[in-house]
Amino acid sequence: MSDDGVTKSAILLMTLGEEEAAEVFKYLGPKEVQKLGAAMAKLGNVKRDMLESVMYDFLALAGERTNLGGGSDEYIRSVLNKALGEEKAAGMIDRILHGGDTSGIEGLKWMDGSAVAELIKNEHPQIIATILVHLDRDQASEVLSFFTERLRNDVVLRIATLEGIQPSALKELNDVLSKLLSGASNLKKSAMGGVRAAAEILNYVGTANETAIIASVRDYDPELAQQIQDEMFVFENLLDVEDRSIQLLLREVQSESLIIALKGTSEELREKIFKNMSQRAAEMLRDDLEAKGPVRVSEVEAEQKEILKVVRKLADEGQIVISGKGEESFV
């Protein structure tokens, strides 16, 4: 939800009255409640034209739905996919439409990381991994930070190798989290866990813990560790790297490799690269990019991976620092 959307929602809730607003909040998750609550607290004097605009938009949207209850499943799918994105919405849609009860895991989402860690730290690492993939990535990362290094490494490895969660595994969570799901026999396999989930969680972990975890995974399976790293830092993430580090990187990269790699990037990233070159070199690179004909996606991805290897080499040597989202970067 955009900042403008949050503000409009806050205004609407303030006009509904306490009982009606409370009823709306029952259907929101912890982050939505926090965002809307903060927005409501910040509201000053709302001008009449703003209030009228909010009410008009709301009535217009409500008016589009005339056959309440008709095709409700598709409506729920559409709303959740638009609100959360298909990946995040998938598991929630299954639980809503197939009768699941998520009271246990939803309860954890309202707790801070240290409390969740204390609650689950003595469970089997596979159970912990299954729990963490149900949490938001930043919260899961916070929980990990309270574990011992050995447990943290073990859990991330299990997340990365978790291909899906069968109903039987979800039933096991019932014993751990006060009946996480009820009637799970009619649930299909939930697509949670895997390399992407592990990488997204590690993106919020500080550099020291990240290095130790990746090293532990590499001891178990070098290819898996590389897959996690590839997911953690993709080529477009160079946008977040400081200019001086980009300049160091460009000294290590061949022009032909850079041309092919940039064929598959955003204009914003290209401009970042250009501004960290001399004017003459940037003009030559622009001309070469324009003159370069179509390039196979596989070639572009291969060159981008080679450049990312250079990024990691420079990071390992301490020349640049690539930090997770959870901490400040210094170069």
Protein backbone atom coordinates (compact mmCIF):
# COMPACT_ATOMS: atom_id res chain seq x y z
CA MET A 1 0.00 0.00 0.00
CA SER A 2 1.40 3.42 -0.95
CA ASP A 3 1.84 6.20 1.61
CA ASP A 4 -1.10 7.99 -0.03
CA GLY A 5 -3.19 4.84 0.28
CA VAL A 6 -2.31 4.47 3.96
CA THR A 7 -3.28 8.09 4.64
CA LYS A 8 -6.60 7.72 2.81
CA SER A 9 -7.32 4.48 4.69
CA ALA A 10 -6.53 6.22 7.99
CA ILE A 11 -8.93 9.05 7.17
CA LEU A 12 -11.66 6.58 6.23
CA LEU A 13 -11.21 4.62 9.47
CA MET A 14 -11.36 7.81 11.54
CA THR A 15 -14.71 8.65 9.97
CA LEU A 16 -16.24 5.22 10.59
CA GLY A 17 -16.40 5.39 14.37
CA GLU A 18 -14.71 3.24 17.00
CA GLU A 19 -16.75 0.05 16.67
CA GLU A 20 -16.66 -0.06 12.87
CA ALA A 21 -12.93 0.77 12.76
CA ALA A 22 -12.21 -1.93 15.33
CA GLU A 23 -14.08 -4.44 13.15
CA VAL A 24 -11.87 -3.52 10.18
CA PHE A 25 -8.71 -3.92 12.25
CA LYS A 26 -9.69 -7.50 13.07
CA TYR A 27 -9.00 -8.43 9.47
CA LEU A 28 -5.57 -6.79 9.26
CA GLY A 29 -2.14 -8.21 9.98
CA PRO A 30 0.34 -6.76 12.47
CA LYS A 31 2.21 -4.63 9.93
CA GLU A 32 -0.99 -3.21 8.46
CA VAL A 33 -2.28 -2.36 11.94
CA GLN A 34 1.01 -0.67 12.78
CA LYS A 35 1.03 1.37 9.55
CA LEU A 36 -2.59 2.44 9.81
CA GLY A 37 -2.37 3.15 13.53
CA ALA A 38 0.67 5.36 13.01
CA ALA A 39 -1.03 7.16 10.13
CA MET A 40 -4.17 7.76 12.21
CA ALA A 41 -2.06 9.15 15.05
CA LYS A 42 -0.35 11.59 12.68
CA LEU A 43 -3.55 12.95 11.15
CA GLY A 44 -3.99 16.62 11.79
CA ASN A 45 -6.96 18.67 10.70
CA VAL A 46 -8.25 16.99 7.56
CA LYS A 47 -9.59 19.46 5.02
CA ARG A 48 -13.15 18.98 3.82
CA ASP A 49 -12.12 18.48 0.18
CA MET A 50 -9.70 15.72 1.21
CA LEU A 51 -12.37 14.00 3.28
CA GLU A 52 -14.86 14.25 0.44
CA SER A 53 -12.30 12.84 -1.99
CA VAL A 54 -11.62 9.84 0.28
CA MET A 55 -15.30 9.11 0.75
CA TYR A 56 -15.98 9.48 -2.97
CA ASP A 57 -13.20 7.00 -3.84
CA PHE A 58 -14.45 4.55 -1.24
CA LEU A 59 -18.06 4.74 -2.41
CA ALA A 60 -16.97 4.39 -6.03
CA LEU A 61 -15.00 1.24 -5.21
CA ALA A 62 -17.81 -0.16 -3.07
CA GLY A 63 -20.32 0.58 -5.79
CA GLU A 64 -18.47 -1.61 -8.23
CA ARG A 65 -19.34 -4.66 -6.11
CA THR A 66 -23.09 -5.10 -6.45
CA ASN A 67 -23.39 -8.88 -6.18
CA LEU A 68 -21.93 -9.51 -2.73
CA GLY A 69 -20.98 -13.14 -2.25
CA GLY A 70 -21.03 -13.90 -5.97
CA GLY A 71 -17.67 -15.27 -7.06
CA SER A 72 -16.20 -14.51 -3.64
CA ASP A 73 -13.32 -16.95 -4.05
CA GLU A 74 -12.08 -15.20 -7.17
CA TYR A 75 -12.58 -11.81 -5.52
CA ILE A 76 -10.49 -12.89 -2.51
CA ARG A 77 -7.77 -14.25 -4.78
CA SER A 78 -7.69 -11.04 -6.81
CA VAL A 79 -7.63 -8.74 -3.76
CA LEU A 80 -4.89 -10.67 -1.96
CA ASN A 81 -2.75 -11.04 -5.08
CA LYS A 82 -2.95 -7.31 -5.74
CA ALA A 83 -2.32 -6.43 -2.10
CA LEU A 84 0.47 -8.88 -1.30
CA GLY A 85 1.80 -10.15 -4.62
CA GLU A 86 1.21 -13.67 -5.88
CA GLU A 87 4.08 -15.28 -3.94
CA LYS A 88 3.09 -13.95 -0.51
CA ALA A 89 -0.62 -14.35 -1.15
CA ALA A 90 -0.45 -18.01 -2.23
CA GLY A 91 -0.21 -19.56 1.23
CA MET A 92 -2.75 -17.18 2.75
CA ILE A 93 -5.26 -17.86 -0.04
CA ASP A 94 -4.94 -21.60 0.55
CA ARG A 95 -5.49 -21.21 4.28
CA ILE A 96 -8.52 -18.94 3.80
CA LEU A 97 -10.23 -20.85 1.01
CA HIS A 98 -9.41 -24.34 2.26
CA GLY A 99 -10.40 -23.86 5.86
CA GLY A 100 -7.04 -23.51 7.57
CA ASP A 101 -6.59 -21.95 10.98
CA THR A 102 -3.45 -19.86 11.35
CA SER A 103 -4.02 -18.58 14.86
CA GLY A 104 -0.75 -20.07 16.14
CA ILE A 105 1.59 -18.69 13.50
CA GLU A 106 -0.30 -15.39 13.29
CA GLY A 107 0.17 -15.03 17.02
CA LEU A 108 3.95 -15.18 16.53
CA LYS A 109 3.79 -12.29 14.06
CA TRP A 110 2.64 -9.99 16.86
CA MET A 111 5.62 -10.90 19.06
CA ASP A 112 9.12 -9.45 18.96
CA GLY A 113 12.00 -11.55 17.71
CA SER A 114 13.50 -12.34 21.11
CA ALA A 115 10.16 -13.65 22.41
CA VAL A 116 9.65 -15.88 19.37
CA ALA A 117 13.22 -17.17 19.62
CA GLU A 118 12.74 -18.01 23.29
CA LEU A 119 9.53 -19.86 22.48
CA ILE A 120 10.90 -22.06 19.68
CA LYS A 121 14.66 -22.34 20.29
CA ASN A 122 14.42 -25.78 21.92
CA GLU A 123 12.36 -27.29 19.13
CA HIS A 124 13.87 -29.51 16.44
CA PRO A 125 15.69 -27.35 13.82
CA GLN A 126 13.38 -28.67 11.10
CA ILE A 127 10.36 -27.44 13.06
CA ILE A 128 12.06 -24.07 13.60
CA ALA A 129 12.78 -23.79 9.87
CA THR A 130 9.16 -24.58 9.06
CA ILE A 131 7.99 -21.89 11.48
CA LEU A 132 10.38 -19.22 10.18
CA VAL A 133 9.30 -19.54 6.54
CA HIS A 134 5.80 -18.57 7.67
CA LEU A 135 7.05 -15.30 9.20
CA ASP A 136 7.90 -12.11 7.34
CA ARG A 137 11.53 -12.20 6.20
CA ASP A 138 12.72 -9.38 8.44
CA GLN A 139 11.07 -10.90 11.50
CA ALA A 140 12.55 -14.33 10.69
CA SER A 141 15.98 -12.72 10.45
CA GLU A 142 15.50 -11.05 13.84
CA VAL A 143 14.54 -14.41 15.38
CA LEU A 144 17.67 -16.00 13.89
CA SER A 145 19.86 -13.37 15.54
CA PHE A 146 18.88 -14.68 19.00
CA PHE A 147 19.93 -18.27 18.27
CA THR A 148 23.35 -19.76 18.90
CA GLU A 149 25.61 -19.79 15.84
CA ARG A 150 25.30 -23.57 15.50
CA LEU A 151 21.49 -23.51 15.59
CA ARG A 152 21.33 -20.48 13.27
CA ASN A 153 23.49 -22.21 10.65
CA ASP A 154 21.51 -25.44 10.91
CA VAL A 155 18.15 -23.69 10.55
CA VAL A 156 19.15 -21.65 7.48
CA LEU A 157 20.48 -24.79 5.81
CA ARG A 158 17.15 -26.50 6.44
CA ILE A 159 15.23 -23.50 5.08
CA ALA A 160 17.34 -23.54 1.92
CA THR A 161 16.70 -27.25 1.35
CA LEU A 162 12.99 -27.06 2.22
CA GLU A 163 11.16 -27.68 -1.04
CA GLY A 164 7.66 -27.43 0.36
CA ILE A 165 5.57 -28.11 3.42
CA GLN A 166 3.28 -31.11 3.40
CA PRO A 167 0.06 -31.12 5.44
CA SER A 168 1.66 -33.67 7.79
CA ALA A 169 4.45 -31.20 8.57
CA LEU A 170 1.91 -28.46 9.20
CA LYS A 171 0.04 -30.77 11.56
CA GLU A 172 3.28 -31.24 13.50
CA LEU A 173 3.30 -27.49 14.05
CA ASN A 174 -0.06 -27.88 15.79
CA ASP A 175 1.73 -29.50 18.71
CA VAL A 176 4.28 -26.68 18.82
CA LEU A 177 2.09 -23.63 18.26
CA SER A 178 -1.34 -24.35 19.72
CA LYS A 179 -2.89 -25.95 16.66
CA LEU A 180 -1.40 -23.91 13.83
CA LEU A 181 -3.75 -25.56 11.38
CA SER A 182 -6.93 -27.54 11.79
CA GLY A 183 -8.32 -29.84 9.14
CA ALA A 184 -5.12 -29.71 7.10
CA SER A 185 -5.93 -32.93 5.24
CA ASN A 186 -7.50 -31.04 2.38
CA LEU A 187 -4.62 -28.60 2.00
CA LYS A 188 -2.33 -28.84 -0.96
CA LYS A 189 1.42 -28.64 -0.52
CA SER A 190 2.40 -25.08 0.41
CA ALA A 191 5.23 -23.68 -1.68
CA MET A 192 7.36 -22.22 1.10
CA GLY A 193 11.03 -22.47 1.92
CA GLY A 194 13.79 -23.05 -0.61
CA VAL A 195 16.85 -21.12 -1.75
CA ARG A 196 14.91 -17.89 -2.33
CA ALA A 197 13.43 -17.92 1.19
CA ALA A 198 16.85 -18.54 2.74
CA ALA A 199 18.40 -15.76 0.65
CA GLU A 200 15.64 -13.26 1.52
CA ILE A 201 16.07 -13.95 5.22
CA LEU A 202 19.86 -13.63 4.99
CA ASN A 203 19.46 -10.29 3.23
CA TYR A 204 18.40 -8.91 6.63
CA VAL A 205 21.25 -10.58 8.55
CA GLY A 206 24.42 -8.64 9.33
CA THR A 207 27.63 -9.37 7.41
CA ALA A 208 29.37 -11.36 10.16
CA ASN A 209 26.45 -13.75 10.69
CA GLU A 210 25.82 -13.97 6.95
CA THR A 211 29.44 -15.01 6.32
CA ALA A 212 29.34 -17.67 9.03
CA ILE A 213 26.04 -19.08 7.81
CA ILE A 214 27.11 -19.22 4.16
CA ALA A 215 30.39 -20.89 5.18
CA SER A 216 28.45 -23.51 7.12
CA VAL A 217 26.13 -24.18 4.18
CA ARG A 218 29.14 -24.36 1.84
CA ASP A 219 30.67 -27.10 4.00
CA TYR A 220 27.48 -29.09 3.49
CA ASP A 221 26.86 -28.25 -0.18
CA PRO A 222 29.04 -25.72 -2.09
CA GLU A 223 26.55 -25.48 -4.97
CA LEU A 224 23.68 -24.72 -2.60
CA ALA A 225 25.73 -21.99 -0.91
CA GLN A 226 26.43 -20.44 -4.32
CA GLN A 227 22.74 -20.56 -5.23
CA ILE A 228 21.84 -18.74 -2.01
CA GLN A 229 24.48 -16.07 -2.67
CA ASP A 230 23.26 -15.62 -6.24
CA GLU A 231 19.74 -15.00 -4.94
CA MET A 232 20.96 -12.66 -2.20
CA PHE A 233 22.79 -10.22 -4.45
CA VAL A 234 21.57 -9.91 -8.02
CA PHE A 235 22.97 -7.63 -10.70
CA GLU A 236 20.39 -4.89 -10.18
CA ASN A 237 21.55 -4.64 -6.55
CA LEU A 238 24.59 -2.78 -7.88
CA LEU A 239 22.29 0.23 -7.69
CA ASP A 240 22.73 0.11 -3.91
CA VAL A 241 26.55 -0.05 -4.04
CA GLU A 242 28.41 3.19 -3.39
CA ASP A 243 30.02 4.98 -6.31
CA ARG A 244 33.61 4.42 -5.18
CA SER A 245 32.96 0.69 -5.03
CA ILE A 246 31.47 0.76 -8.53
CA GLN A 247 34.64 2.46 -9.74
CA LEU A 248 36.76 -0.28 -8.15
CA LEU A 249 34.58 -2.90 -9.78
CA LEU A 250 34.82 -1.35 -13.25
CA ARG A 251 38.61 -1.59 -13.12
CA GLU A 252 38.27 -5.38 -12.82
CA VAL A 253 35.70 -5.92 -15.57
CA GLN A 254 36.36 -6.31 -19.30
CA SER A 255 34.46 -3.88 -21.57
CA GLU A 256 32.89 -6.62 -23.71
CA SER A 257 31.62 -8.41 -20.61
CA LEU A 258 30.13 -5.18 -19.26
CA ILE A 259 28.39 -4.40 -22.57
CA ILE A 260 26.63 -7.77 -22.65
CA ALA A 261 25.74 -7.63 -18.93
CA LEU A 262 24.18 -4.18 -19.29
CA LYS A 263 21.94 -5.29 -22.16
CA GLY A 264 19.58 -6.81 -19.62
CA THR A 265 19.54 -4.04 -17.01
CA SER A 266 17.41 -1.03 -16.15
CA GLU A 267 18.21 2.41 -17.49
CA GLU A 268 18.79 3.55 -13.91
CA LEU A 269 21.59 1.03 -13.39
CA ARG A 270 23.16 1.92 -16.75
CA GLU A 271 23.23 5.59 -15.76
CA LYS A 272 24.88 4.67 -12.45
CA ILE A 273 27.60 2.82 -14.36
CA PHE A 274 28.06 5.68 -16.84
CA LYS A 275 28.46 8.32 -14.13
CA ASN A 276 31.26 6.32 -12.52
CA MET A 277 33.33 6.32 -15.72
CA SER A 278 35.21 9.10 -17.44
CA GLN A 279 33.12 11.07 -19.90
CA ARG A 280 34.99 9.58 -22.87
CA ALA A 281 34.69 6.00 -21.57
CA ALA A 282 30.98 6.49 -20.84
CA GLU A 283 30.34 7.81 -24.36
CA MET A 284 32.19 4.84 -25.87
CA LEU A 285 30.18 2.43 -23.74
CA ARG A 286 26.90 4.07 -24.77
CA ASP A 287 27.86 3.78 -28.44
CA ASP A 288 28.90 0.14 -28.02
CA LEU A 289 25.61 -0.68 -26.28
CA GLU A 290 23.59 0.91 -29.08
CA ALA A 291 25.66 -0.86 -31.75
CA LYS A 292 25.39 -4.25 -30.05
CA GLY A 293 22.69 -6.36 -31.63
CA PRO A 294 20.27 -8.67 -29.79
CA VAL A 295 21.91 -10.89 -27.17
CA ARG A 296 20.54 -14.13 -25.77
CA VAL A 297 19.21 -13.85 -22.23
CA SER A 298 21.44 -16.77 -21.23
CA GLU A 299 24.51 -14.82 -22.40
CA VAL A 300 23.46 -11.74 -20.46
CA GLU A 301 22.87 -13.79 -17.28
CA ALA A 302 26.23 -15.56 -17.70
CA GLU A 303 28.14 -12.27 -17.96
CA GLN A 304 26.23 -10.79 -15.03
CA LYS A 305 27.16 -13.80 -12.90
CA GLU A 306 30.83 -13.39 -13.86
CA ILE A 307 30.74 -9.76 -12.79
CA LEU A 308 29.00 -10.72 -9.53
CA LYS A 309 31.88 -13.14 -8.88
CA VAL A 310 34.21 -10.14 -9.11
CA VAL A 311 31.95 -8.25 -6.69
CA ARG A 312 32.16 -11.09 -4.18
CA LYS A 313 35.95 -11.37 -4.65
CA LEU A 314 36.38 -7.67 -3.90
CA ALA A 315 34.08 -8.02 -0.90
CA ASP A 316 36.05 -11.02 0.40
CA GLU A 317 39.26 -9.02 0.03
CA GLY A 318 37.75 -6.18 2.04
CA GLN A 319 37.92 -3.65 -0.79
CA ILE A 320 34.15 -3.22 -0.84
CA VAL A 321 31.40 -4.18 1.60
CA ILE A 322 28.06 -5.58 0.54
CA SER A 323 25.81 -5.55 3.57
CA GLY A 324 22.38 -6.99 4.19
CA LYS A 325 19.31 -4.76 4.33
CA GLY A 326 19.38 -4.94 8.08
CA GLU A 327 22.56 -2.93 8.57
CA GLU A 328 24.34 0.14 7.28
CA SER A 329 26.93 -0.25 4.54
CA PHE A 330 30.46 1.17 4.71
CA VAL A 331 33.06 1.08 1.94
